[in-house]
Amino acid sequence: MHAVAIKKSMMNQNPWFVDAVFRAYSQSKQMSYDYMANAAPLKDSLPWFGQEFEEPRALMGKNYYSYGIEPNRKTLRALLRYSHQQGLCSREFTVEELFAPASLKLVEFSA
């Protein structure tokens, strides 16, 4: 759905930055999941809120918006293949060419 871009100069000057941004997004998402599971139903008068939260989790797992390369590698490869096939890029890039080496093995925070 989305990607975060960081300038190479920023990564070179601050090697810790890629990991810090990834962890911040991951922790924020976990906080959102926790809020939806625990506090949101108490503050929201929608009678189906719980169902709308639980159905995707039952179908797609508890972390239905997974972050990182490995959980999304298949989708990223398809995106790169389609981009080349549709003429958006001159050749089919690899995942490793597109993402910073420091980001390739990042794993999400889990509470």
PDB file of N, CA and C in Angstrom:
ATOM      1  N   MET A   1       0.809  -1.193   0.000  1.00  0.00           N
ATOM      2  CA  MET A   1       0.000   0.000   0.000  1.00  0.00           C
ATOM      3  C   MET A   1       0.851   1.256   0.000  1.00  0.00           C
ATOM      4  N   HIS A   2       1.858   1.296   0.878  1.00  0.00           N
ATOM      5  CA  HIS A   2       2.691   2.482   1.004  1.00  0.00           C
ATOM      6  C   HIS A   2       4.139   2.072   1.238  1.00  0.00           C
ATOM      7  N   ALA A   3       5.021   2.957   0.939  1.00  0.00           N
ATOM      8  CA  ALA A   3       6.444   2.771   1.237  1.00  0.00           C
ATOM      9  C   ALA A   3       6.972   4.076   1.802  1.00  0.00           C
ATOM     10  N   VAL A   4       7.996   3.972   2.614  1.00  0.00           N
ATOM     11  CA  VAL A   4       8.643   5.155   3.171  1.00  0.00           C
ATOM     12  C   VAL A   4       9.983   5.313   2.475  1.00  0.00           C
ATOM     13  N   ALA A   5      10.232   6.473   1.945  1.00  0.00           N
ATOM     14  CA  ALA A   5      11.492   6.752   1.255  1.00  0.00           C
ATOM     15  C   ALA A   5      12.384   7.598   2.160  1.00  0.00           C
ATOM     16  N   ILE A   6      13.658   7.235   2.178  1.00  0.00           N
ATOM     17  CA  ILE A   6      14.647   7.983   2.950  1.00  0.00           C
ATOM     18  C   ILE A   6      15.822   8.265   2.022  1.00  0.00           C
ATOM     19  N   LYS A   7      16.263   9.494   1.994  1.00  0.00           N
ATOM     20  CA  LYS A   7      17.385   9.868   1.136  1.00  0.00           C
ATOM     21  C   LYS A   7      18.646   9.102   1.537  1.00  0.00           C
ATOM     22  N   LYS A   8      19.423   8.725   0.525  1.00  0.00           N
ATOM     23  CA  LYS A   8      20.682   8.024   0.793  1.00  0.00           C
ATOM     24  C   LYS A   8      21.595   8.857   1.682  1.00  0.00           C
ATOM     25  N   SER A   9      21.616  10.164   1.452  1.00  0.00           N
ATOM     26  CA  SER A   9      22.484  11.026   2.262  1.00  0.00           C
ATOM     27  C   SER A   9      22.092  10.954   3.739  1.00  0.00           C
ATOM     28  N   MET A  10      20.798  10.870   4.005  1.00  0.00           N
ATOM     29  CA  MET A  10      20.323  10.750   5.390  1.00  0.00           C
ATOM     30  C   MET A  10      20.767   9.412   5.994  1.00  0.00           C
ATOM     31  N   MET A  11      20.631   8.344   5.206  1.00  0.00           N
ATOM     32  CA  MET A  11      21.043   7.022   5.695  1.00  0.00           C
ATOM     33  C   MET A  11      22.550   6.967   5.924  1.00  0.00           C
ATOM     34  N   ASN A  12      23.316   7.581   5.019  1.00  0.00           N
ATOM     35  CA  ASN A  12      24.770   7.562   5.155  1.00  0.00           C
ATOM     36  C   ASN A  12      25.235   8.351   6.376  1.00  0.00           C
ATOM     37  N   GLN A  13      24.588   9.481   6.638  1.00  0.00           N
ATOM     38  CA  GLN A  13      24.970  10.313   7.783  1.00  0.00           C
ATOM     39  C   GLN A  13      24.470   9.738   9.105  1.00  0.00           C
ATOM     40  N   ASN A  14      23.376   8.978   9.051  1.00  0.00           N
ATOM     41  CA  ASN A  14      22.733   8.445  10.257  1.00  0.00           C
ATOM     42  C   ASN A  14      22.354   6.982  10.024  1.00  0.00           C
ATOM     43  N   PRO A  15      23.304   6.050  10.107  1.00  0.00           N
ATOM     44  CA  PRO A  15      23.030   4.652   9.786  1.00  0.00           C
ATOM     45  C   PRO A  15      21.919   4.019  10.636  1.00  0.00           C
ATOM     46  N   TRP A  16      21.671   4.545  11.797  1.00  0.00           N
ATOM     47  CA  TRP A  16      20.646   4.038  12.706  1.00  0.00           C
ATOM     48  C   TRP A  16      19.237   4.444  12.284  1.00  0.00           C
ATOM     49  N   PHE A  17      19.133   5.397  11.373  1.00  0.00           N
ATOM     50  CA  PHE A  17      17.842   6.020  11.059  1.00  0.00           C
ATOM     51  C   PHE A  17      16.830   5.051  10.437  1.00  0.00           C
ATOM     52  N   VAL A  18      17.267   4.190   9.530  1.00  0.00           N
ATOM     53  CA  VAL A  18      16.358   3.244   8.875  1.00  0.00           C
ATOM     54  C   VAL A  18      15.682   2.370   9.915  1.00  0.00           C
ATOM     55  N   ASP A  19      16.475   1.812  10.813  1.00  0.00           N
ATOM     56  CA  ASP A  19      15.924   0.956  11.869  1.00  0.00           C
ATOM     57  C   ASP A  19      14.980   1.743  12.777  1.00  0.00           C
ATOM     58  N   ALA A  20      15.351   2.956  13.126  1.00  0.00           N
ATOM     59  CA  ALA A  20      14.523   3.764  14.026  1.00  0.00           C
ATOM     60  C   ALA A  20      13.171   4.095  13.400  1.00  0.00           C
ATOM     61  N   VAL A  21      13.158   4.450  12.123  1.00  0.00           N
ATOM     62  CA  VAL A  21      11.898   4.778  11.446  1.00  0.00           C
ATOM     63  C   VAL A  21      11.019   3.523  11.342  1.00  0.00           C
ATOM     64  N   PHE A  22      11.628   2.408  10.965  1.00  0.00           N
ATOM     65  CA  PHE A  22      10.879   1.155  10.860  1.00  0.00           C
ATOM     66  C   PHE A  22      10.249   0.794  12.203  1.00  0.00           C
ATOM     67  N   ARG A  23      11.027   0.871  13.262  1.00  0.00           N
ATOM     68  CA  ARG A  23      10.519   0.516  14.602  1.00  0.00           C
ATOM     69  C   ARG A  23       9.423   1.484  15.054  1.00  0.00           C
ATOM     70  N   ALA A  24       9.571   2.752  14.739  1.00  0.00           N
ATOM     71  CA  ALA A  24       8.544   3.729  15.120  1.00  0.00           C
ATOM     72  C   ALA A  24       7.217   3.417  14.432  1.00  0.00           C
ATOM     73  N   TYR A  25       7.261   3.135  13.137  1.00  0.00           N
ATOM     74  CA  TYR A  25       6.033   2.778  12.416  1.00  0.00           C
ATOM     75  C   TYR A  25       5.448   1.479  12.953  1.00  0.00           C
ATOM     76  N   SER A  26       6.292   0.509  13.202  1.00  0.00           N
ATOM     77  CA  SER A  26       5.837  -0.783  13.692  1.00  0.00           C
ATOM     78  C   SER A  26       5.182  -0.663  15.074  1.00  0.00           C
ATOM     79  N   GLN A  27       5.818   0.077  15.948  1.00  0.00           N
ATOM     80  CA  GLN A  27       5.257   0.271  17.292  1.00  0.00           C
ATOM     81  C   GLN A  27       3.950   1.050  17.229  1.00  0.00           C
ATOM     82  N   SER A  28       3.899   2.051  16.371  1.00  0.00           N
ATOM     83  CA  SER A  28       2.681   2.841  16.216  1.00  0.00           C
ATOM     84  C   SER A  28       1.524   1.962  15.725  1.00  0.00           C
ATOM     85  N   LYS A  29       1.807   1.092  14.766  1.00  0.00           N
ATOM     86  CA  LYS A  29       0.765   0.200  14.259  1.00  0.00           C
ATOM     87  C   LYS A  29       0.286  -0.736  15.362  1.00  0.00           C
ATOM     88  N   GLN A  30       1.215  -1.266  16.155  1.00  0.00           N
ATOM     89  CA  GLN A  30       0.829  -2.157  17.251  1.00  0.00           C
ATOM     90  C   GLN A  30      -0.040  -1.415  18.259  1.00  0.00           C
ATOM     91  N   MET A  31       0.288  -0.170  18.519  1.00  0.00           N
ATOM     92  CA  MET A  31      -0.532   0.631  19.436  1.00  0.00           C
ATOM     93  C   MET A  31      -1.939   0.819  18.869  1.00  0.00           C
ATOM     94  N   SER A  32      -2.027   1.005  17.565  1.00  0.00           N
ATOM     95  CA  SER A  32      -3.329   1.153  16.917  1.00  0.00           C
ATOM     96  C   SER A  32      -4.134  -0.139  17.017  1.00  0.00           C
ATOM     97  N   TYR A  33      -3.473  -1.280  16.741  1.00  0.00           N
ATOM     98  CA  TYR A  33      -4.147  -2.578  16.891  1.00  0.00           C
ATOM     99  C   TYR A  33      -4.654  -2.754  18.331  1.00  0.00           C
ATOM    100  N   ASP A  34      -3.786  -2.429  19.302  1.00  0.00           N
ATOM    101  CA  ASP A  34      -4.169  -2.573  20.711  1.00  0.00           C
ATOM    102  C   ASP A  34      -5.356  -1.679  21.046  1.00  0.00           C
ATOM    103  N   TYR A  35      -5.335  -0.459  20.538  1.00  0.00           N
ATOM    104  CA  TYR A  35      -6.444   0.468  20.780  1.00  0.00           C
ATOM    105  C   TYR A  35      -7.738  -0.097  20.201  1.00  0.00           C
ATOM    106  N   MET A  36      -7.677  -0.570  18.958  1.00  0.00           N
ATOM    107  CA  MET A  36      -8.888  -1.101  18.324  1.00  0.00           C
ATOM    108  C   MET A  36      -9.409  -2.329  19.050  1.00  0.00           C
ATOM    109  N   ALA A  37      -8.513  -3.135  19.588  1.00  0.00           N
ATOM    110  CA  ALA A  37      -8.922  -4.350  20.284  1.00  0.00           C
ATOM    111  C   ALA A  37      -9.481  -4.065  21.675  1.00  0.00           C
ATOM    112  N   ASN A  38      -9.003  -3.019  22.319  1.00  0.00           N
ATOM    113  CA  ASN A  38      -9.336  -2.807  23.721  1.00  0.00           C
ATOM    114  C   ASN A  38     -10.167  -1.558  24.009  1.00  0.00           C
ATOM    115  N   ALA A  39      -9.723  -0.411  23.550  1.00  0.00           N
ATOM    116  CA  ALA A  39     -10.354   0.843  23.944  1.00  0.00           C
ATOM    117  C   ALA A  39     -11.403   1.338  22.966  1.00  0.00           C
ATOM    118  N   ALA A  40     -11.178   1.152  21.687  1.00  0.00           N
ATOM    119  CA  ALA A  40     -12.090   1.719  20.687  1.00  0.00           C
ATOM    120  C   ALA A  40     -13.536   1.260  20.856  1.00  0.00           C
ATOM    121  N   PRO A  41     -13.797  -0.033  21.099  1.00  0.00           N
ATOM    122  CA  PRO A  41     -15.204  -0.431  21.255  1.00  0.00           C
ATOM    123  C   PRO A  41     -15.908   0.276  22.409  1.00  0.00           C
ATOM    124  N   LEU A  42     -15.161   0.670  23.411  1.00  0.00           N
ATOM    125  CA  LEU A  42     -15.754   1.364  24.550  1.00  0.00           C
ATOM    126  C   LEU A  42     -16.106   2.809  24.220  1.00  0.00           C
ATOM    127  N   LYS A  43     -15.403   3.391  23.259  1.00  0.00           N
ATOM    128  CA  LYS A  43     -15.595   4.796  22.918  1.00  0.00           C
ATOM    129  C   LYS A  43     -16.434   4.991  21.667  1.00  0.00           C
ATOM    130  N   ASP A  44     -16.702   3.925  20.967  1.00  0.00           N
ATOM    131  CA  ASP A  44     -17.408   4.017  19.700  1.00  0.00           C
ATOM    132  C   ASP A  44     -18.786   3.378  19.839  1.00  0.00           C
ATOM    133  N   SER A  45     -19.795   4.030  19.336  1.00  0.00           N
ATOM    134  CA  SER A  45     -21.154   3.500  19.474  1.00  0.00           C
ATOM    135  C   SER A  45     -21.560   2.595  18.315  1.00  0.00           C
ATOM    136  N   LEU A  46     -20.637   2.319  17.380  1.00  0.00           N
ATOM    137  CA  LEU A  46     -20.968   1.444  16.271  1.00  0.00           C
ATOM    138  C   LEU A  46     -21.138   0.007  16.783  1.00  0.00           C
ATOM    139  N   PRO A  47     -22.290  -0.577  16.581  1.00  0.00           N
ATOM    140  CA  PRO A  47     -22.518  -1.915  17.125  1.00  0.00           C
ATOM    141  C   PRO A  47     -21.672  -2.982  16.439  1.00  0.00           C
ATOM    142  N   TRP A  48     -21.168  -2.726  15.271  1.00  0.00           N
ATOM    143  CA  TRP A  48     -20.408  -3.731  14.535  1.00  0.00           C
ATOM    144  C   TRP A  48     -18.901  -3.484  14.567  1.00  0.00           C
ATOM    145  N   PHE A  49     -18.447  -2.575  15.394  1.00  0.00           N
ATOM    146  CA  PHE A  49     -17.017  -2.256  15.431  1.00  0.00           C
ATOM    147  C   PHE A  49     -16.177  -3.499  15.697  1.00  0.00           C
ATOM    148  N   GLY A  50     -16.556  -4.272  16.691  1.00  0.00           N
ATOM    149  CA  GLY A  50     -15.809  -5.477  17.033  1.00  0.00           C
ATOM    150  C   GLY A  50     -15.728  -6.452  15.872  1.00  0.00           C
ATOM    151  N   GLN A  51     -16.828  -6.626  15.168  1.00  0.00           N
ATOM    152  CA  GLN A  51     -16.866  -7.529  14.026  1.00  0.00           C
ATOM    153  C   GLN A  51     -15.961  -7.020  12.906  1.00  0.00           C
ATOM    154  N   GLU A  52     -16.009  -5.715  12.648  1.00  0.00           N
ATOM    155  CA  GLU A  52     -15.175  -5.133  11.602  1.00  0.00           C
ATOM    156  C   GLU A  52     -13.689  -5.265  11.932  1.00  0.00           C
ATOM    157  N   PHE A  53     -13.345  -5.322  13.198  1.00  0.00           N
ATOM    158  CA  PHE A  53     -11.955  -5.494  13.603  1.00  0.00           C
ATOM    159  C   PHE A  53     -11.550  -6.967  13.558  1.00  0.00           C
ATOM    160  N   GLU A  54     -12.428  -7.851  13.981  1.00  0.00           N
ATOM    161  CA  GLU A  54     -12.087  -9.266  14.090  1.00  0.00           C
ATOM    162  C   GLU A  54     -12.114 -10.019  12.765  1.00  0.00           C
ATOM    163  N   GLU A  55     -12.980  -9.651  11.829  1.00  0.00           N
ATOM    164  CA  GLU A  55     -13.075 -10.398  10.570  1.00  0.00           C
ATOM    165  C   GLU A  55     -11.764 -10.405   9.775  1.00  0.00           C
ATOM    166  N   PRO A  56     -11.121  -9.265   9.572  1.00  0.00           N
ATOM    167  CA  PRO A  56      -9.838  -9.320   8.856  1.00  0.00           C
ATOM    168  C   PRO A  56      -8.785 -10.128   9.610  1.00  0.00           C
ATOM    169  N   ARG A  57      -8.798 -10.062  10.923  1.00  0.00           N
ATOM    170  CA  ARG A  57      -7.834 -10.821  11.713  1.00  0.00           C
ATOM    171  C   ARG A  57      -8.062 -12.316  11.561  1.00  0.00           C
ATOM    172  N   ALA A  58      -9.317 -12.729  11.505  1.00  0.00           N
ATOM    173  CA  ALA A  58      -9.621 -14.146  11.324  1.00  0.00           C
ATOM    174  C   ALA A  58      -9.186 -14.624   9.939  1.00  0.00           C
ATOM    175  N   LEU A  59      -9.368 -13.785   8.945  1.00  0.00           N
ATOM    176  CA  LEU A  59      -9.039 -14.142   7.574  1.00  0.00           C
ATOM    177  C   LEU A  59      -7.548 -14.006   7.260  1.00  0.00           C
ATOM    178  N   MET A  60      -6.926 -12.924   7.758  1.00  0.00           N
ATOM    179  CA  MET A  60      -5.565 -12.577   7.337  1.00  0.00           C
ATOM    180  C   MET A  60      -4.524 -12.663   8.451  1.00  0.00           C
ATOM    181  N   GLY A  61      -4.939 -12.989   9.660  1.00  0.00           N
ATOM    182  CA  GLY A  61      -4.014 -13.040  10.785  1.00  0.00           C
ATOM    183  C   GLY A  61      -4.053 -11.760  11.597  1.00  0.00           C
ATOM    184  N   LYS A  62      -3.439 -11.816  12.767  1.00  0.00           N
ATOM    185  CA  LYS A  62      -3.483 -10.670  13.682  1.00  0.00           C
ATOM    186  C   LYS A  62      -2.742  -9.451  13.148  1.00  0.00           C
ATOM    187  N   ASN A  63      -1.742  -9.672  12.325  1.00  0.00           N
ATOM    188  CA  ASN A  63      -0.960  -8.561  11.767  1.00  0.00           C
ATOM    189  C   ASN A  63      -1.274  -8.455  10.277  1.00  0.00           C
ATOM    190  N   TYR A  64      -2.455  -8.008   9.951  1.00  0.00           N
ATOM    191  CA  TYR A  64      -2.898  -8.008   8.558  1.00  0.00           C
ATOM    192  C   TYR A  64      -2.284  -6.895   7.716  1.00  0.00           C
ATOM    193  N   TYR A  65      -1.570  -5.979   8.321  1.00  0.00           N
ATOM    194  CA  TYR A  65      -0.779  -4.987   7.584  1.00  0.00           C
ATOM    195  C   TYR A  65       0.685  -5.209   7.941  1.00  0.00           C
ATOM    196  N   SER A  66       1.263  -6.276   7.462  1.00  0.00           N
ATOM    197  CA  SER A  66       2.638  -6.595   7.852  1.00  0.00           C
ATOM    198  C   SER A  66       3.630  -5.635   7.202  1.00  0.00           C
ATOM    199  N   TYR A  67       4.636  -5.268   7.975  1.00  0.00           N
ATOM    200  CA  TYR A  67       5.695  -4.377   7.519  1.00  0.00           C
ATOM    201  C   TYR A  67       6.965  -5.187   7.286  1.00  0.00           C
ATOM    202  N   GLY A  68       7.816  -4.682   6.438  1.00  0.00           N
ATOM    203  CA  GLY A  68       9.101  -5.314   6.196  1.00  0.00           C
ATOM    204  C   GLY A  68       9.146  -6.019   4.850  1.00  0.00           C
ATOM    205  N   ILE A  69      10.341  -6.388   4.458  1.00  0.00           N
ATOM    206  CA  ILE A  69      10.559  -6.998   3.154  1.00  0.00           C
ATOM    207  C   ILE A  69      10.039  -8.428   3.107  1.00  0.00           C
ATOM    208  N   GLU A  70      10.461  -9.271   4.019  1.00  0.00           N
ATOM    209  CA  GLU A  70      10.128 -10.692   3.918  1.00  0.00           C
ATOM    210  C   GLU A  70       8.630 -10.983   3.879  1.00  0.00           C
ATOM    211  N   PRO A  71       7.825 -10.400   4.755  1.00  0.00           N
ATOM    212  CA  PRO A  71       6.391 -10.708   4.675  1.00  0.00           C
ATOM    213  C   PRO A  71       5.724 -10.179   3.408  1.00  0.00           C
ATOM    214  N   ASN A  72       6.401  -9.271   2.712  1.00  0.00           N
ATOM    215  CA  ASN A  72       5.833  -8.644   1.519  1.00  0.00           C
ATOM    216  C   ASN A  72       6.622  -8.937   0.243  1.00  0.00           C
ATOM    217  N   ARG A  73       7.573  -9.847   0.327  1.00  0.00           N
ATOM    218  CA  ARG A  73       8.459 -10.110  -0.813  1.00  0.00           C
ATOM    219  C   ARG A  73       7.685 -10.535  -2.061  1.00  0.00           C
ATOM    220  N   LYS A  74       6.727 -11.421  -1.928  1.00  0.00           N
ATOM    221  CA  LYS A  74       5.956 -11.892  -3.085  1.00  0.00           C
ATOM    222  C   LYS A  74       5.238 -10.721  -3.767  1.00  0.00           C
ATOM    223  N   THR A  75       4.620  -9.869  -2.979  1.00  0.00           N
ATOM    224  CA  THR A  75       3.910  -8.706  -3.511  1.00  0.00           C
ATOM    225  C   THR A  75       4.880  -7.728  -4.159  1.00  0.00           C
ATOM    226  N   LEU A  76       6.028  -7.490  -3.520  1.00  0.00           N
ATOM    227  CA  LEU A  76       7.028  -6.583  -4.080  1.00  0.00           C
ATOM    228  C   LEU A  76       7.562  -7.102  -5.410  1.00  0.00           C
ATOM    229  N   ARG A  77       7.816  -8.406  -5.496  1.00  0.00           N
ATOM    230  CA  ARG A  77       8.291  -8.983  -6.763  1.00  0.00           C
ATOM    231  C   ARG A  77       7.249  -8.791  -7.867  1.00  0.00           C
ATOM    232  N   ALA A  78       5.985  -9.010  -7.522  1.00  0.00           N
ATOM    233  CA  ALA A  78       4.918  -8.816  -8.519  1.00  0.00           C
ATOM    234  C   ALA A  78       4.868  -7.348  -8.958  1.00  0.00           C
ATOM    235  N   LEU A  79       4.970  -6.429  -8.023  1.00  0.00           N
ATOM    236  CA  LEU A  79       4.974  -5.004  -8.345  1.00  0.00           C
ATOM    237  C   LEU A  79       6.110  -4.659  -9.306  1.00  0.00           C
ATOM    238  N   LEU A  80       7.285  -5.183  -9.028  1.00  0.00           N
ATOM    239  CA  LEU A  80       8.440  -4.898  -9.880  1.00  0.00           C
ATOM    240  C   LEU A  80       8.273  -5.528 -11.260  1.00  0.00           C
ATOM    241  N   ARG A  81       7.729  -6.720 -11.312  1.00  0.00           N
ATOM    242  CA  ARG A  81       7.485  -7.386 -12.598  1.00  0.00           C
ATOM    243  C   ARG A  81       6.467  -6.599 -13.420  1.00  0.00           C
ATOM    244  N   TYR A  82       5.356  -6.234 -12.793  1.00  0.00           N
ATOM    245  CA  TYR A  82       4.308  -5.476 -13.498  1.00  0.00           C
ATOM    246  C   TYR A  82       4.820  -4.109 -13.954  1.00  0.00           C
ATOM    247  N   SER A  83       5.633  -3.472 -13.122  1.00  0.00           N
ATOM    248  CA  SER A  83       6.184  -2.155 -13.491  1.00  0.00           C
ATOM    249  C   SER A  83       7.002  -2.256 -14.763  1.00  0.00           C
ATOM    250  N   HIS A  84       7.771  -3.311 -14.874  1.00  0.00           N
ATOM    251  CA  HIS A  84       8.565  -3.504 -16.089  1.00  0.00           C
ATOM    252  C   HIS A  84       7.667  -3.871 -17.273  1.00  0.00           C
ATOM    253  N   GLN A  85       6.735  -4.810 -17.063  1.00  0.00           N
ATOM    254  CA  GLN A  85       5.849  -5.242 -18.144  1.00  0.00           C
ATOM    255  C   GLN A  85       5.013  -4.090 -18.694  1.00  0.00           C
ATOM    256  N   GLN A  86       4.647  -3.161 -17.843  1.00  0.00           N
ATOM    257  CA  GLN A  86       3.801  -2.050 -18.261  1.00  0.00           C
ATOM    258  C   GLN A  86       4.611  -0.839 -18.717  1.00  0.00           C
ATOM    259  N   GLY A  87       5.922  -1.006 -18.815  1.00  0.00           N
ATOM    260  CA  GLY A  87       6.765   0.052 -19.336  1.00  0.00           C
ATOM    261  C   GLY A  87       7.057   1.184 -18.366  1.00  0.00           C
ATOM    262  N   LEU A  88       6.816   0.983 -17.095  1.00  0.00           N
ATOM    263  CA  LEU A  88       7.090   2.031 -16.109  1.00  0.00           C
ATOM    264  C   LEU A  88       8.574   2.114 -15.763  1.00  0.00           C
ATOM    265  N   CYS A  89       9.305   1.035 -16.019  1.00  0.00           N
ATOM    266  CA  CYS A  89      10.755   1.046 -15.839  1.00  0.00           C
ATOM    267  C   CYS A  89      11.395   0.223 -16.953  1.00  0.00           C
ATOM    268  N   SER A  90      12.637   0.522 -17.255  1.00  0.00           N
ATOM    269  CA  SER A  90      13.301  -0.070 -18.420  1.00  0.00           C
ATOM    270  C   SER A  90      13.677  -1.535 -18.239  1.00  0.00           C
ATOM    271  N   ARG A  91      13.762  -1.977 -17.004  1.00  0.00           N
ATOM    272  CA  ARG A  91      14.067  -3.380 -16.719  1.00  0.00           C
ATOM    273  C   ARG A  91      13.396  -3.787 -15.420  1.00  0.00           C
ATOM    274  N   GLU A  92      13.405  -5.081 -15.148  1.00  0.00           N
ATOM    275  CA  GLU A  92      12.795  -5.563 -13.911  1.00  0.00           C
ATOM    276  C   GLU A  92      13.827  -5.504 -12.792  1.00  0.00           C
ATOM    277  N   PHE A  93      13.595  -4.634 -11.847  1.00  0.00           N
ATOM    278  CA  PHE A  93      14.496  -4.487 -10.709  1.00  0.00           C
ATOM    279  C   PHE A  93      14.252  -5.604  -9.702  1.00  0.00           C
ATOM    280  N   THR A  94      15.248  -5.844  -8.872  1.00  0.00           N
ATOM    281  CA  THR A  94      15.076  -6.794  -7.777  1.00  0.00           C
ATOM    282  C   THR A  94      14.710  -6.012  -6.515  1.00  0.00           C
ATOM    283  N   VAL A  95      14.156  -6.712  -5.565  1.00  0.00           N
ATOM    284  CA  VAL A  95      13.811  -6.098  -4.286  1.00  0.00           C
ATOM    285  C   VAL A  95      15.072  -5.512  -3.645  1.00  0.00           C
ATOM    286  N   GLU A  96      16.172  -6.254  -3.732  1.00  0.00           N
ATOM    287  CA  GLU A  96      17.421  -5.813  -3.112  1.00  0.00           C
ATOM    288  C   GLU A  96      17.964  -4.531  -3.741  1.00  0.00           C
ATOM    289  N   GLU A  97      17.673  -4.290  -5.003  1.00  0.00           N
ATOM    290  CA  GLU A  97      18.126  -3.062  -5.659  1.00  0.00           C
ATOM    291  C   GLU A  97      17.324  -1.851  -5.200  1.00  0.00           C
ATOM    292  N   LEU A  98      16.096  -2.073  -4.828  1.00  0.00           N
ATOM    293  CA  LEU A  98      15.203  -0.972  -4.500  1.00  0.00           C
ATOM    294  C   LEU A  98      15.267  -0.530  -3.039  1.00  0.00           C
ATOM    295  N   PHE A  99      15.639  -1.435  -2.160  1.00  0.00           N
ATOM    296  CA  PHE A  99      15.598  -1.135  -0.733  1.00  0.00           C
ATOM    297  C   PHE A  99      16.993  -1.097  -0.135  1.00  0.00           C
ATOM    298  N   ALA A 100      17.151  -0.266   0.859  1.00  0.00           N
ATOM    299  CA  ALA A 100      18.437  -0.133   1.542  1.00  0.00           C
ATOM    300  C   ALA A 100      18.823  -1.461   2.179  1.00  0.00           C
ATOM    301  N   PRO A 101      20.098  -1.825   2.087  1.00  0.00           N
ATOM    302  CA  PRO A 101      20.534  -3.079   2.705  1.00  0.00           C
ATOM    303  C   PRO A 101      20.129  -3.184   4.175  1.00  0.00           C
ATOM    304  N   ALA A 102      20.169  -2.071   4.882  1.00  0.00           N
ATOM    305  CA  ALA A 102      19.798  -2.084   6.296  1.00  0.00           C
ATOM    306  C   ALA A 102      18.331  -2.438   6.524  1.00  0.00           C
ATOM    307  N   SER A 103      17.496  -2.281   5.503  1.00  0.00           N
ATOM    308  CA  SER A 103      16.066  -2.535   5.672  1.00  0.00           C
ATOM    309  C   SER A 103      15.664  -3.957   5.308  1.00  0.00           C
ATOM    310  N   LEU A 104      16.545  -4.703   4.681  1.00  0.00           N
ATOM    311  CA  LEU A 104      16.169  -6.009   4.138  1.00  0.00           C
ATOM    312  C   LEU A 104      15.824  -7.036   5.206  1.00  0.00           C
ATOM    313  N   LYS A 105      16.409  -6.925   6.371  1.00  0.00           N
ATOM    314  CA  LYS A 105      16.195  -7.933   7.426  1.00  0.00           C
ATOM    315  C   LYS A 105      15.440  -7.389   8.646  1.00  0.00           C
ATOM    316  N   LEU A 106      14.860  -6.209   8.514  1.00  0.00           N
ATOM    317  CA  LEU A 106      14.128  -5.641   9.649  1.00  0.00           C
ATOM    318  C   LEU A 106      12.887  -6.479   9.956  1.00  0.00           C
ATOM    319  N   VAL A 107      12.652  -6.679  11.236  1.00  0.00           N
ATOM    320  CA  VAL A 107      11.514  -7.474  11.697  1.00  0.00           C
ATOM    321  C   VAL A 107      10.693  -6.595  12.614  1.00  0.00           C
ATOM    322  N   GLU A 108       9.396  -6.723  12.495  1.00  0.00           N
ATOM    323  CA  GLU A 108       8.489  -5.858  13.252  1.00  0.00           C
ATOM    324  C   GLU A 108       8.586  -6.044  14.755  1.00  0.00           C
ATOM    325  N   PHE A 109       8.305  -4.943  15.422  1.00  0.00           N
ATOM    326  CA  PHE A 109       8.155  -4.944  16.877  1.00  0.00           C
ATOM    327  C   PHE A 109       6.887  -5.697  17.221  1.00  0.00           C
ATOM    328  N   SER A 110       6.941  -6.477  18.252  1.00  0.00           N
ATOM    329  CA  SER A 110       5.707  -7.107  18.722  1.00  0.00           C
ATOM    330  C   SER A 110       5.649  -6.991  20.231  1.00  0.00           C
ATOM    331  N   ALA A 111       4.506  -6.603  20.725  1.00  0.00           N
ATOM    332  CA  ALA A 111       4.334  -6.386  22.157  1.00  0.00           C
ATOM    333  C   ALA A 111       4.159  -7.684  22.901  1.00  0.00           C
TER     334      ALA A 111
END
